[in-house]
N, C-alpha and C. Protein backbone atom coordinates (compact mmCIF):
# COMPACT_ATOMS: atom_id res chain seq x y z
N MET A 1 131.32 168.69 19.78
CA MET A 1 132.38 167.72 19.96
C MET A 1 132.52 166.81 18.74
N THR A 2 133.73 166.42 18.39
CA THR A 2 133.90 165.42 17.36
C THR A 2 133.97 164.05 18.05
N GLU A 3 133.85 163.02 17.20
CA GLU A 3 133.86 161.66 17.77
C GLU A 3 135.27 161.19 18.04
N GLU A 4 136.27 162.07 17.89
CA GLU A 4 137.68 161.67 18.06
C GLU A 4 138.15 161.81 19.51
N ARG A 5 137.38 162.38 20.38
CA ARG A 5 137.79 162.52 21.76
C ARG A 5 137.95 161.20 22.42
N PRO A 6 138.85 161.07 23.41
CA PRO A 6 139.15 159.75 24.00
C PRO A 6 137.95 159.04 24.55
N TRP A 7 137.00 159.77 25.22
CA TRP A 7 135.88 159.09 25.80
C TRP A 7 135.07 158.37 24.75
N ALA A 8 134.81 159.01 23.62
CA ALA A 8 134.04 158.41 22.53
C ALA A 8 134.80 157.19 21.99
N ARG A 9 136.07 157.23 21.90
CA ARG A 9 136.82 156.15 21.33
C ARG A 9 136.84 154.91 22.26
N LEU A 10 136.76 155.16 23.54
CA LEU A 10 136.95 154.05 24.50
C LEU A 10 135.67 153.35 24.94
N VAL A 11 134.50 154.02 24.81
CA VAL A 11 133.33 153.42 25.43
C VAL A 11 132.60 152.42 24.51
N ASP A 12 132.69 152.55 23.22
CA ASP A 12 131.93 151.65 22.33
C ASP A 12 132.83 150.57 21.72
N ARG A 13 132.24 149.42 21.51
CA ARG A 13 132.96 148.33 20.86
C ARG A 13 133.17 148.61 19.40
N ARG A 14 132.23 149.35 18.78
CA ARG A 14 132.31 149.66 17.39
C ARG A 14 132.69 151.16 17.23
N SER A 15 132.97 151.55 15.97
CA SER A 15 133.23 152.95 15.75
C SER A 15 131.99 153.75 16.13
N VAL A 16 132.16 154.83 16.86
CA VAL A 16 131.07 155.56 17.45
C VAL A 16 130.31 156.25 16.34
N ASN A 17 128.99 156.04 16.33
CA ASN A 17 128.12 156.75 15.43
C ASN A 17 126.84 157.08 16.22
N ARG A 18 126.75 158.24 16.76
CA ARG A 18 125.64 158.58 17.61
C ARG A 18 124.31 158.69 16.87
N GLY A 19 124.42 158.65 15.53
CA GLY A 19 123.19 158.63 14.72
C GLY A 19 122.66 157.24 14.49
N ASP A 20 123.35 156.22 14.97
CA ASP A 20 122.92 154.83 14.75
C ASP A 20 121.61 154.59 15.53
N VAL A 21 120.58 154.20 14.81
CA VAL A 21 119.23 154.07 15.39
C VAL A 21 119.22 153.00 16.45
N ARG A 22 119.78 151.82 16.20
CA ARG A 22 119.78 150.76 17.18
C ARG A 22 120.53 151.13 18.45
N ARG A 23 121.69 151.74 18.28
CA ARG A 23 122.51 152.22 19.41
C ARG A 23 121.72 153.22 20.23
N SER A 24 121.09 154.16 19.56
CA SER A 24 120.31 155.17 20.26
C SER A 24 119.15 154.55 21.02
N ALA A 25 118.47 153.60 20.40
CA ALA A 25 117.34 152.91 21.09
C ALA A 25 117.81 152.17 22.32
N LEU A 26 118.97 151.51 22.23
CA LEU A 26 119.50 150.80 23.40
C LEU A 26 119.85 151.75 24.52
N LEU A 27 120.47 152.86 24.19
CA LEU A 27 120.85 153.80 25.24
C LEU A 27 119.60 154.46 25.84
N ARG A 28 118.61 154.71 25.05
CA ARG A 28 117.37 155.32 25.56
C ARG A 28 116.67 154.35 26.52
N ALA A 29 116.60 153.09 26.15
CA ALA A 29 115.99 152.08 27.02
C ALA A 29 116.82 151.88 28.28
N PHE A 30 118.11 151.89 28.15
CA PHE A 30 119.00 151.73 29.29
C PHE A 30 118.81 152.91 30.28
N ASP A 31 118.75 154.11 29.73
CA ASP A 31 118.50 155.29 30.59
C ASP A 31 117.18 155.20 31.32
N GLU A 32 116.13 154.74 30.63
CA GLU A 32 114.84 154.60 31.28
C GLU A 32 114.89 153.65 32.46
N LEU A 33 115.58 152.52 32.27
CA LEU A 33 115.66 151.54 33.37
C LEU A 33 116.52 152.05 34.51
N LEU A 34 117.54 152.83 34.23
CA LEU A 34 118.38 153.39 35.32
C LEU A 34 117.62 154.40 36.16
N ARG A 35 116.53 154.93 35.64
CA ARG A 35 115.70 155.84 36.43
C ARG A 35 114.91 155.03 37.47
N GLU A 36 114.79 153.74 37.24
CA GLU A 36 113.95 152.89 38.09
C GLU A 36 114.78 151.93 38.95
N GLN A 37 116.01 151.60 38.49
CA GLN A 37 116.81 150.55 39.14
C GLN A 37 118.26 150.99 39.22
N THR A 38 119.01 150.29 40.03
CA THR A 38 120.46 150.51 40.11
C THR A 38 121.08 149.82 38.88
N LEU A 39 122.35 150.11 38.64
CA LEU A 39 123.05 149.47 37.57
C LEU A 39 123.08 147.97 37.71
N GLU A 40 123.33 147.50 38.94
CA GLU A 40 123.40 146.06 39.20
C GLU A 40 122.04 145.41 38.89
N GLN A 41 120.95 146.09 39.14
CA GLN A 41 119.62 145.52 38.96
C GLN A 41 119.20 145.47 37.52
N VAL A 42 119.73 146.37 36.68
CA VAL A 42 119.28 146.43 35.28
C VAL A 42 119.71 145.16 34.55
N ASN A 43 118.78 144.62 33.79
CA ASN A 43 118.99 143.35 33.03
C ASN A 43 119.15 143.68 31.55
N VAL A 44 120.21 143.19 30.93
CA VAL A 44 120.51 143.50 29.52
C VAL A 44 119.36 143.01 28.63
N ALA A 45 118.77 141.85 28.99
CA ALA A 45 117.64 141.34 28.18
C ALA A 45 116.47 142.32 28.16
N GLU A 46 116.20 142.97 29.32
CA GLU A 46 115.15 143.91 29.38
C GLU A 46 115.48 145.18 28.61
N VAL A 47 116.72 145.58 28.68
CA VAL A 47 117.14 146.74 27.88
C VAL A 47 116.91 146.48 26.44
N SER A 48 117.31 145.31 25.96
CA SER A 48 117.14 144.95 24.55
C SER A 48 115.70 144.87 24.15
N ARG A 49 114.86 144.29 25.06
CA ARG A 49 113.46 144.17 24.75
C ARG A 49 112.81 145.53 24.59
N ARG A 50 113.12 146.44 25.48
CA ARG A 50 112.55 147.80 25.40
C ARG A 50 113.01 148.53 24.18
N ALA A 51 114.25 148.23 23.74
CA ALA A 51 114.80 148.90 22.58
C ALA A 51 114.30 148.28 21.27
N GLY A 52 113.67 147.10 21.38
CA GLY A 52 113.14 146.43 20.20
C GLY A 52 114.25 145.76 19.37
N VAL A 53 115.30 145.28 20.05
CA VAL A 53 116.40 144.62 19.34
C VAL A 53 116.74 143.34 20.11
N THR A 54 117.59 142.53 19.52
CA THR A 54 117.99 141.30 20.19
C THR A 54 119.02 141.59 21.28
N ARG A 55 119.16 140.64 22.22
CA ARG A 55 120.14 140.81 23.28
C ARG A 55 121.55 140.91 22.71
N SER A 56 121.81 140.16 21.68
CA SER A 56 123.14 140.20 21.05
C SER A 56 123.48 141.55 20.49
N ALA A 57 122.45 142.31 20.14
CA ALA A 57 122.68 143.66 19.59
C ALA A 57 123.28 144.57 20.63
N PHE A 58 122.91 144.37 21.90
CA PHE A 58 123.52 145.17 22.95
C PHE A 58 125.02 144.95 23.00
N TYR A 59 125.44 143.69 22.92
CA TYR A 59 126.83 143.40 22.99
C TYR A 59 127.60 143.68 21.69
N PHE A 60 126.84 143.90 20.61
CA PHE A 60 127.46 144.32 19.37
C PHE A 60 128.06 145.71 19.61
N TYR A 61 127.39 146.54 20.41
CA TYR A 61 127.85 147.93 20.67
C TYR A 61 128.66 148.06 21.92
N PHE A 62 128.24 147.35 22.98
CA PHE A 62 128.85 147.57 24.28
C PHE A 62 129.35 146.29 24.94
N GLU A 63 130.55 146.36 25.45
CA GLU A 63 131.11 145.18 26.10
C GLU A 63 130.33 144.73 27.35
N SER A 64 129.74 145.74 28.03
CA SER A 64 129.08 145.47 29.29
C SER A 64 128.11 146.59 29.61
N LYS A 65 127.32 146.43 30.67
CA LYS A 65 126.44 147.50 31.12
C LYS A 65 127.28 148.71 31.54
N ALA A 66 128.45 148.45 32.13
CA ALA A 66 129.31 149.51 32.56
C ALA A 66 129.76 150.38 31.41
N ALA A 67 130.11 149.71 30.27
CA ALA A 67 130.50 150.50 29.09
C ALA A 67 129.32 151.29 28.53
N ALA A 68 128.11 150.77 28.62
CA ALA A 68 126.97 151.45 28.16
C ALA A 68 126.69 152.74 29.01
N VAL A 69 126.95 152.62 30.30
CA VAL A 69 126.81 153.77 31.19
C VAL A 69 127.76 154.88 30.74
N MET A 70 128.99 154.51 30.41
CA MET A 70 129.96 155.53 29.95
C MET A 70 129.50 156.17 28.67
N ALA A 71 128.85 155.42 27.81
CA ALA A 71 128.31 156.01 26.57
C ALA A 71 127.21 157.02 26.91
N LEU A 72 126.37 156.66 27.89
CA LEU A 72 125.35 157.61 28.32
C LEU A 72 125.90 158.90 28.87
N MET A 73 127.08 158.79 29.45
CA MET A 73 127.71 159.95 30.09
C MET A 73 128.63 160.72 29.10
N ALA A 74 128.60 160.39 27.81
CA ALA A 74 129.42 161.07 26.85
C ALA A 74 129.12 162.56 26.78
N GLU A 75 127.87 162.94 26.99
CA GLU A 75 127.49 164.37 26.95
C GLU A 75 128.19 165.10 28.12
N LEU A 76 128.22 164.47 29.27
CA LEU A 76 128.92 165.07 30.41
C LEU A 76 130.39 165.25 30.08
N TYR A 77 131.00 164.24 29.47
CA TYR A 77 132.39 164.39 29.11
C TYR A 77 132.59 165.52 28.10
N ASP A 78 131.68 165.60 27.13
CA ASP A 78 131.74 166.70 26.15
C ASP A 78 131.66 168.06 26.86
N ASP A 79 130.74 168.20 27.78
CA ASP A 79 130.59 169.44 28.51
C ASP A 79 131.83 169.79 29.30
N ALA A 80 132.38 168.76 29.97
CA ALA A 80 133.59 168.98 30.74
C ALA A 80 134.75 169.39 29.86
N SER A 81 134.85 168.75 28.70
CA SER A 81 135.93 169.06 27.75
C SER A 81 135.82 170.52 27.27
N ASP A 82 134.61 170.92 26.89
CA ASP A 82 134.37 172.26 26.39
C ASP A 82 134.67 173.30 27.46
N ALA A 83 134.20 173.01 28.69
CA ALA A 83 134.43 173.95 29.79
C ALA A 83 135.90 174.05 30.13
N THR A 84 136.61 172.92 30.09
CA THR A 84 138.04 172.95 30.39
C THR A 84 138.81 173.71 29.32
N ASP A 85 138.37 173.55 28.04
CA ASP A 85 138.97 174.31 26.98
C ASP A 85 138.86 175.83 27.25
N ARG A 86 137.67 176.26 27.69
CA ARG A 86 137.48 177.65 27.96
C ARG A 86 138.37 178.13 29.13
N LEU A 87 138.46 177.25 30.13
CA LEU A 87 139.27 177.59 31.29
C LEU A 87 140.73 177.77 30.93
N VAL A 88 141.27 176.83 30.20
CA VAL A 88 142.73 176.84 29.96
C VAL A 88 143.18 177.88 28.94
N LYS A 89 142.20 178.43 28.19
CA LYS A 89 142.55 179.53 27.27
C LYS A 89 142.95 180.79 28.05
N ALA A 90 142.55 180.80 29.32
CA ALA A 90 142.92 181.91 30.22
C ALA A 90 142.55 183.27 29.64
N GLU A 91 141.33 183.33 29.03
CA GLU A 91 140.84 184.58 28.49
C GLU A 91 139.71 185.12 29.42
N GLY A 92 139.81 186.32 29.86
CA GLY A 92 138.80 186.88 30.74
C GLY A 92 139.17 186.69 32.20
N ALA A 93 138.25 187.12 33.06
CA ALA A 93 138.44 187.08 34.50
C ALA A 93 138.59 185.66 34.97
N PRO A 94 139.65 185.30 35.76
CA PRO A 94 139.79 183.95 36.27
C PRO A 94 138.58 183.41 37.03
N GLU A 95 138.01 184.24 37.90
CA GLU A 95 136.89 183.77 38.72
C GLU A 95 135.72 183.36 37.84
N ARG A 96 135.46 184.13 36.78
CA ARG A 96 134.36 183.80 35.91
C ARG A 96 134.63 182.45 35.16
N ARG A 97 135.84 182.30 34.67
CA ARG A 97 136.20 181.05 33.98
C ARG A 97 136.04 179.84 34.87
N ILE A 98 136.57 179.96 36.11
CA ILE A 98 136.50 178.81 37.03
C ILE A 98 135.05 178.52 37.41
N ARG A 99 134.31 179.57 37.73
CA ARG A 99 132.90 179.37 38.12
C ARG A 99 132.11 178.74 36.94
N ASP A 100 132.41 179.13 35.72
CA ASP A 100 131.70 178.54 34.58
C ASP A 100 131.96 177.06 34.47
N VAL A 101 133.25 176.68 34.70
CA VAL A 101 133.57 175.24 34.62
C VAL A 101 132.82 174.46 35.67
N VAL A 102 132.86 174.93 36.91
CA VAL A 102 132.20 174.21 38.01
C VAL A 102 130.67 174.16 37.79
N THR A 103 130.12 175.27 37.36
CA THR A 103 128.67 175.32 37.11
C THR A 103 128.26 174.34 36.00
N THR A 104 129.11 174.32 34.94
CA THR A 104 128.83 173.38 33.84
C THR A 104 128.79 171.99 34.30
N LEU A 105 129.74 171.56 35.17
CA LEU A 105 129.78 170.18 35.69
C LEU A 105 128.53 169.87 36.52
N PHE A 106 128.14 170.80 37.40
CA PHE A 106 126.94 170.58 38.19
C PHE A 106 125.73 170.50 37.31
N ASP A 107 125.65 171.33 36.27
CA ASP A 107 124.50 171.31 35.32
C ASP A 107 124.43 169.95 34.67
N ALA A 108 125.60 169.41 34.26
CA ALA A 108 125.62 168.12 33.54
C ALA A 108 125.12 167.02 34.42
N VAL A 109 125.53 166.98 35.69
CA VAL A 109 125.09 165.97 36.62
C VAL A 109 123.58 166.14 36.92
N ASP A 110 123.13 167.38 37.07
CA ASP A 110 121.74 167.60 37.35
C ASP A 110 120.78 167.20 36.22
N ARG A 111 121.30 167.16 35.01
CA ARG A 111 120.46 166.71 33.87
C ARG A 111 120.05 165.27 33.99
N THR A 112 121.05 164.44 34.44
CA THR A 112 120.78 162.99 34.58
C THR A 112 121.46 162.43 35.82
N PRO A 113 121.03 162.79 36.99
CA PRO A 113 121.70 162.32 38.21
C PRO A 113 121.65 160.80 38.37
N HIS A 114 120.62 160.16 37.84
CA HIS A 114 120.54 158.70 37.95
C HIS A 114 121.66 158.04 37.12
N THR A 115 121.98 158.64 36.00
CA THR A 115 123.04 158.08 35.15
C THR A 115 124.39 158.30 35.82
N TYR A 116 124.60 159.43 36.41
CA TYR A 116 125.87 159.75 37.09
C TYR A 116 126.06 158.76 38.28
N ARG A 117 124.99 158.48 38.97
CA ARG A 117 125.07 157.52 40.08
C ARG A 117 125.45 156.14 39.53
N ALA A 118 124.90 155.79 38.36
CA ALA A 118 125.27 154.51 37.75
C ALA A 118 126.74 154.49 37.34
N LEU A 119 127.20 155.62 36.85
CA LEU A 119 128.60 155.73 36.49
C LEU A 119 129.55 155.52 37.70
N LEU A 120 129.13 156.13 38.81
CA LEU A 120 129.92 155.94 40.04
C LEU A 120 129.93 154.44 40.47
N GLU A 121 128.80 153.80 40.28
CA GLU A 121 128.71 152.36 40.64
C GLU A 121 129.60 151.58 39.69
N ALA A 122 129.59 151.91 38.39
CA ALA A 122 130.44 151.18 37.39
C ALA A 122 131.91 151.44 37.69
N ARG A 123 132.24 152.66 38.02
CA ARG A 123 133.64 153.01 38.30
C ARG A 123 134.17 152.25 39.48
N ALA A 124 133.32 152.00 40.45
CA ALA A 124 133.73 151.32 41.67
C ALA A 124 133.88 149.81 41.50
N THR A 125 133.26 149.23 40.49
CA THR A 125 133.20 147.79 40.36
C THR A 125 133.87 147.25 39.07
N ASN A 126 134.09 148.11 38.10
CA ASN A 126 134.60 147.63 36.79
C ASN A 126 135.96 148.27 36.52
N PRO A 127 137.03 147.44 36.43
CA PRO A 127 138.38 147.98 36.17
C PRO A 127 138.49 148.74 34.85
N GLY A 128 137.76 148.30 33.84
CA GLY A 128 137.82 148.94 32.56
C GLY A 128 137.25 150.39 32.62
N VAL A 129 136.16 150.51 33.35
CA VAL A 129 135.56 151.87 33.53
C VAL A 129 136.53 152.73 34.30
N ARG A 130 137.10 152.18 35.35
CA ARG A 130 138.04 152.97 36.13
C ARG A 130 139.21 153.45 35.31
N GLU A 131 139.72 152.58 34.47
CA GLU A 131 140.85 152.92 33.55
C GLU A 131 140.43 154.06 32.61
N THR A 132 139.23 153.89 32.03
CA THR A 132 138.76 154.94 31.08
C THR A 132 138.58 156.26 31.81
N TRP A 133 137.99 156.19 33.00
CA TRP A 133 137.81 157.42 33.81
C TRP A 133 139.17 158.04 34.06
N ASP A 134 140.16 157.24 34.40
CA ASP A 134 141.51 157.80 34.71
C ASP A 134 142.14 158.43 33.49
N VAL A 135 141.89 157.87 32.31
CA VAL A 135 142.40 158.44 31.09
C VAL A 135 141.87 159.84 30.85
N GLY A 136 140.51 159.97 31.05
CA GLY A 136 139.89 161.24 30.91
C GLY A 136 140.37 162.26 31.94
N ARG A 137 140.51 161.79 33.17
CA ARG A 137 140.99 162.63 34.25
C ARG A 137 142.42 163.15 33.96
N ALA A 138 143.28 162.25 33.49
CA ALA A 138 144.65 162.64 33.16
C ALA A 138 144.69 163.67 32.06
N GLU A 139 143.80 163.54 31.08
CA GLU A 139 143.74 164.54 30.01
C GLU A 139 143.37 165.94 30.59
N PHE A 140 142.36 165.96 31.39
CA PHE A 140 141.93 167.26 31.99
C PHE A 140 143.01 167.82 32.91
N ALA A 141 143.61 166.96 33.75
CA ALA A 141 144.63 167.40 34.67
C ALA A 141 145.82 168.01 33.94
N GLY A 142 146.23 167.35 32.83
CA GLY A 142 147.33 167.89 32.07
C GLY A 142 147.03 169.30 31.53
N MET A 143 145.82 169.45 31.03
CA MET A 143 145.43 170.77 30.50
C MET A 143 145.42 171.86 31.61
N VAL A 144 144.90 171.53 32.76
CA VAL A 144 144.85 172.47 33.87
C VAL A 144 146.24 172.78 34.32
N ALA A 145 147.11 171.77 34.47
CA ALA A 145 148.49 172.00 34.90
C ALA A 145 149.22 172.92 33.96
N GLU A 146 149.03 172.72 32.67
CA GLU A 146 149.72 173.59 31.71
C GLU A 146 149.21 175.04 31.86
N MET A 147 147.91 175.20 32.10
CA MET A 147 147.36 176.54 32.28
C MET A 147 147.94 177.20 33.52
N ILE A 148 148.04 176.44 34.62
CA ILE A 148 148.62 176.97 35.85
C ILE A 148 150.07 177.42 35.61
N GLY A 149 150.83 176.62 34.89
CA GLY A 149 152.20 176.98 34.58
C GLY A 149 152.27 178.26 33.75
N ARG A 150 151.43 178.38 32.74
CA ARG A 150 151.46 179.59 31.91
C ARG A 150 151.05 180.82 32.76
N GLU A 151 150.03 180.68 33.60
CA GLU A 151 149.58 181.81 34.40
C GLU A 151 150.66 182.22 35.43
N ARG A 152 151.41 181.26 35.95
CA ARG A 152 152.52 181.60 36.83
C ARG A 152 153.63 182.32 36.09
N ALA A 153 153.93 181.81 34.91
CA ALA A 153 155.04 182.42 34.13
C ALA A 153 154.63 183.85 33.74
N ALA A 154 153.37 184.10 33.51
CA ALA A 154 152.93 185.44 33.11
C ALA A 154 152.74 186.40 34.32
N GLY A 155 152.92 185.85 35.52
CA GLY A 155 152.76 186.66 36.73
C GLY A 155 151.37 186.84 37.18
N HIS A 156 150.42 186.10 36.60
CA HIS A 156 149.02 186.20 36.95
C HIS A 156 148.66 185.34 38.15
N ALA A 157 149.32 184.17 38.23
CA ALA A 157 149.10 183.22 39.32
C ALA A 157 150.23 183.21 40.28
N THR A 158 149.97 182.85 41.54
CA THR A 158 151.04 182.83 42.52
C THR A 158 151.81 181.50 42.45
N GLU A 159 153.06 181.56 42.92
CA GLU A 159 153.81 180.35 43.01
C GLU A 159 153.26 179.45 44.07
N GLY A 160 153.43 178.19 43.93
CA GLY A 160 152.88 177.26 44.92
C GLY A 160 153.32 175.82 44.63
N PRO A 161 152.50 174.84 45.00
CA PRO A 161 152.86 173.43 44.81
C PRO A 161 153.08 173.12 43.31
N ASP A 162 153.70 171.98 43.05
CA ASP A 162 153.88 171.51 41.70
C ASP A 162 152.55 171.59 40.91
N ALA A 163 152.57 172.19 39.71
CA ALA A 163 151.31 172.44 38.99
C ALA A 163 150.53 171.17 38.68
N ALA A 164 151.26 170.09 38.33
CA ALA A 164 150.55 168.85 38.03
C ALA A 164 149.86 168.30 39.26
N GLY A 165 150.56 168.34 40.41
CA GLY A 165 149.96 167.84 41.67
C GLY A 165 148.76 168.71 42.05
N LEU A 166 148.91 170.03 41.92
CA LEU A 166 147.81 170.93 42.28
C LEU A 166 146.59 170.67 41.38
N ALA A 167 146.84 170.53 40.08
CA ALA A 167 145.70 170.26 39.15
C ALA A 167 145.01 168.95 39.54
N ALA A 168 145.75 167.92 39.85
CA ALA A 168 145.17 166.62 40.19
C ALA A 168 144.28 166.74 41.45
N VAL A 169 144.77 167.47 42.45
CA VAL A 169 144.03 167.64 43.70
C VAL A 169 142.76 168.47 43.49
N LEU A 170 142.84 169.51 42.67
CA LEU A 170 141.67 170.32 42.40
C LEU A 170 140.60 169.53 41.64
N LEU A 171 141.04 168.65 40.73
CA LEU A 171 140.07 167.81 40.05
C LEU A 171 139.49 166.77 40.99
N ASP A 172 140.28 166.32 41.94
CA ASP A 172 139.73 165.39 42.99
C ASP A 172 138.63 166.09 43.74
N LEU A 173 138.85 167.37 44.08
CA LEU A 173 137.84 168.15 44.76
C LEU A 173 136.54 168.21 43.99
N ASN A 174 136.68 168.50 42.68
CA ASN A 174 135.46 168.54 41.82
C ASN A 174 134.75 167.20 41.82
N ASP A 175 135.49 166.12 41.64
CA ASP A 175 134.90 164.80 41.59
C ASP A 175 134.15 164.46 42.83
N HIS A 176 134.76 164.75 44.01
CA HIS A 176 134.09 164.43 45.27
C HIS A 176 132.82 165.30 45.43
N ALA A 177 132.92 166.55 45.07
CA ALA A 177 131.73 167.40 45.17
C ALA A 177 130.61 166.92 44.28
N LEU A 178 130.94 166.52 43.05
CA LEU A 178 129.88 166.04 42.13
C LEU A 178 129.24 164.77 42.63
N GLU A 179 130.10 163.88 43.19
CA GLU A 179 129.60 162.61 43.77
C GLU A 179 128.60 162.91 44.91
N ARG A 180 128.99 163.77 45.80
CA ARG A 180 128.11 164.08 46.94
C ARG A 180 126.83 164.75 46.45
N HIS A 181 126.94 165.60 45.43
CA HIS A 181 125.77 166.28 44.92
C HIS A 181 124.82 165.22 44.25
N ALA A 182 125.39 164.30 43.50
CA ALA A 182 124.58 163.31 42.78
C ALA A 182 123.80 162.39 43.75
N VAL A 183 124.39 162.10 44.91
CA VAL A 183 123.75 161.20 45.88
C VAL A 183 122.96 161.97 46.92
N GLY A 184 122.91 163.31 46.75
CA GLY A 184 122.08 164.09 47.68
C GLY A 184 122.74 164.52 48.96
N GLY A 185 124.08 164.58 48.98
CA GLY A 185 124.81 164.98 50.17
C GLY A 185 125.49 166.33 49.94
N GLY A 186 126.10 166.83 51.05
CA GLY A 186 126.86 168.05 50.94
C GLY A 186 125.96 169.31 51.04
N PRO A 187 126.57 170.47 50.90
CA PRO A 187 125.85 171.72 51.01
C PRO A 187 124.93 171.94 49.78
N PRO A 188 124.06 172.93 49.87
CA PRO A 188 123.22 173.22 48.67
C PRO A 188 124.08 173.57 47.46
N ARG A 189 123.53 173.34 46.27
CA ARG A 189 124.26 173.52 45.01
C ARG A 189 125.01 174.84 44.94
N ALA A 190 124.33 175.95 45.20
CA ALA A 190 124.95 177.27 45.05
C ALA A 190 126.12 177.42 46.01
N ALA A 191 125.94 176.95 47.24
CA ALA A 191 127.04 177.07 48.23
C ALA A 191 128.20 176.17 47.85
N HIS A 192 127.91 175.00 47.27
CA HIS A 192 128.94 174.10 46.81
C HIS A 192 129.80 174.76 45.70
N ILE A 193 129.13 175.37 44.73
CA ILE A 193 129.82 176.00 43.66
C ILE A 193 130.65 177.17 44.13
N ASP A 194 130.08 177.97 45.04
CA ASP A 194 130.83 179.12 45.63
C ASP A 194 132.12 178.61 46.29
N ALA A 195 131.99 177.56 47.11
CA ALA A 195 133.13 177.06 47.88
C ALA A 195 134.21 176.52 46.95
N ILE A 196 133.83 175.74 45.96
CA ILE A 196 134.82 175.18 45.04
C ILE A 196 135.50 176.23 44.25
N THR A 197 134.74 177.26 43.77
CA THR A 197 135.36 178.36 43.06
C THR A 197 136.37 179.08 43.94
N HIS A 198 136.00 179.30 45.18
CA HIS A 198 136.87 180.01 46.10
C HIS A 198 138.19 179.20 46.31
N ILE A 199 138.07 177.88 46.48
CA ILE A 199 139.26 177.07 46.68
C ILE A 199 140.16 177.09 45.46
N TRP A 200 139.57 176.98 44.26
CA TRP A 200 140.38 177.07 43.03
C TRP A 200 141.10 178.41 42.94
N MET A 201 140.36 179.48 43.20
CA MET A 201 140.96 180.82 43.09
C MET A 201 142.10 180.99 44.10
N ARG A 202 141.88 180.60 45.33
CA ARG A 202 142.94 180.70 46.33
C ARG A 202 144.14 179.86 45.97
N SER A 203 143.90 178.66 45.50
CA SER A 203 144.97 177.71 45.19
C SER A 203 145.85 178.16 44.03
N ILE A 204 145.18 178.75 42.99
CA ILE A 204 145.90 179.12 41.80
C ILE A 204 146.35 180.57 41.81
N TYR A 205 145.44 181.45 42.19
CA TYR A 205 145.71 182.88 42.07
C TYR A 205 145.98 183.58 43.42
N GLY A 206 145.80 182.85 44.50
CA GLY A 206 146.11 183.41 45.82
C GLY A 206 145.22 184.53 46.22
N THR A 207 144.04 184.57 45.69
CA THR A 207 143.10 185.69 45.97
C THR A 207 141.73 185.18 46.18
N ASP A 208 140.87 185.98 46.82
CA ASP A 208 139.47 185.65 47.01
C ASP A 208 138.72 185.80 45.71
N ALA A 209 137.76 184.92 45.46
CA ALA A 209 137.02 185.00 44.20
C ALA A 209 136.41 186.33 44.01
N ARG A 210 135.84 186.92 45.06
CA ARG A 210 135.13 188.18 44.91
C ARG A 210 136.01 189.35 44.41
N SER A 211 137.29 189.25 44.67
CA SER A 211 138.16 190.35 44.32
C SER A 211 138.39 190.48 42.81
N THR A 212 138.06 189.40 42.04
CA THR A 212 138.24 189.41 40.60
C THR A 212 136.94 189.26 39.85
N ALA A 213 135.79 189.27 40.58
CA ALA A 213 134.51 189.06 39.94
C ALA A 213 134.18 190.22 39.03
C-alpha cells in the first residue's frame, strides 16, 4: 500500500511516515495497553511513558486516542483495500474471489482482536472516527457496486436490486459479522465465512457458492 490511501491521510495529524521511530513507539505502547484495558481506560500519559516520549509527542501525531486506534488499524484497511481490488477485477471464479475477501477480513481481525474492539468503541463514541469509517466504507461500496454493474452487463451476474444499495447492504453484513467475531459472538469462524460467502454469491450471481467452486 502507498501512503496516499484515504485511511492513511485521515488518521494522522502529520504527514504519515510509518518509519517514524517516535510514532512507531507510541503505537506499539498503545497496542500493548489495549491488550490490557479498554480504549476508555487507556491513559495517554501512560502510553507516552511506555513509548519513552513526552505526552505532547502523542498529540503531535494524533488528535486523540480514537485517531491513534485508527492508525493501529491501518493494516486492516490495507488488507481490505487489497482484497477488494482483487474482488472487483472480476478475474477467476466468483466464489473464490468473494471467499478470499471475507477470509482476509477475518484474518485481519484475528491478528489484533483487541485493537478491532477498540476501533468499535471509538467508532461508537467519536464523530471523527465515524466519519472516517464512513469515508472508507463509501470507497469500498462504490468499487463493489461498479463490479456488480459490470458483471450484470456482461451477463455473469443476475439482475436485482440497485447495485449501490446491494453493495452497501453486503458490506453492512461483513461489518456486523466482523464485530460479532471480534467480541466472541456468532457462529464459528469457518461457518461464518461460509454463510457470508453464500449470501454474497446468491445476492450477486443468483447461485450457490458450491456450484462455482
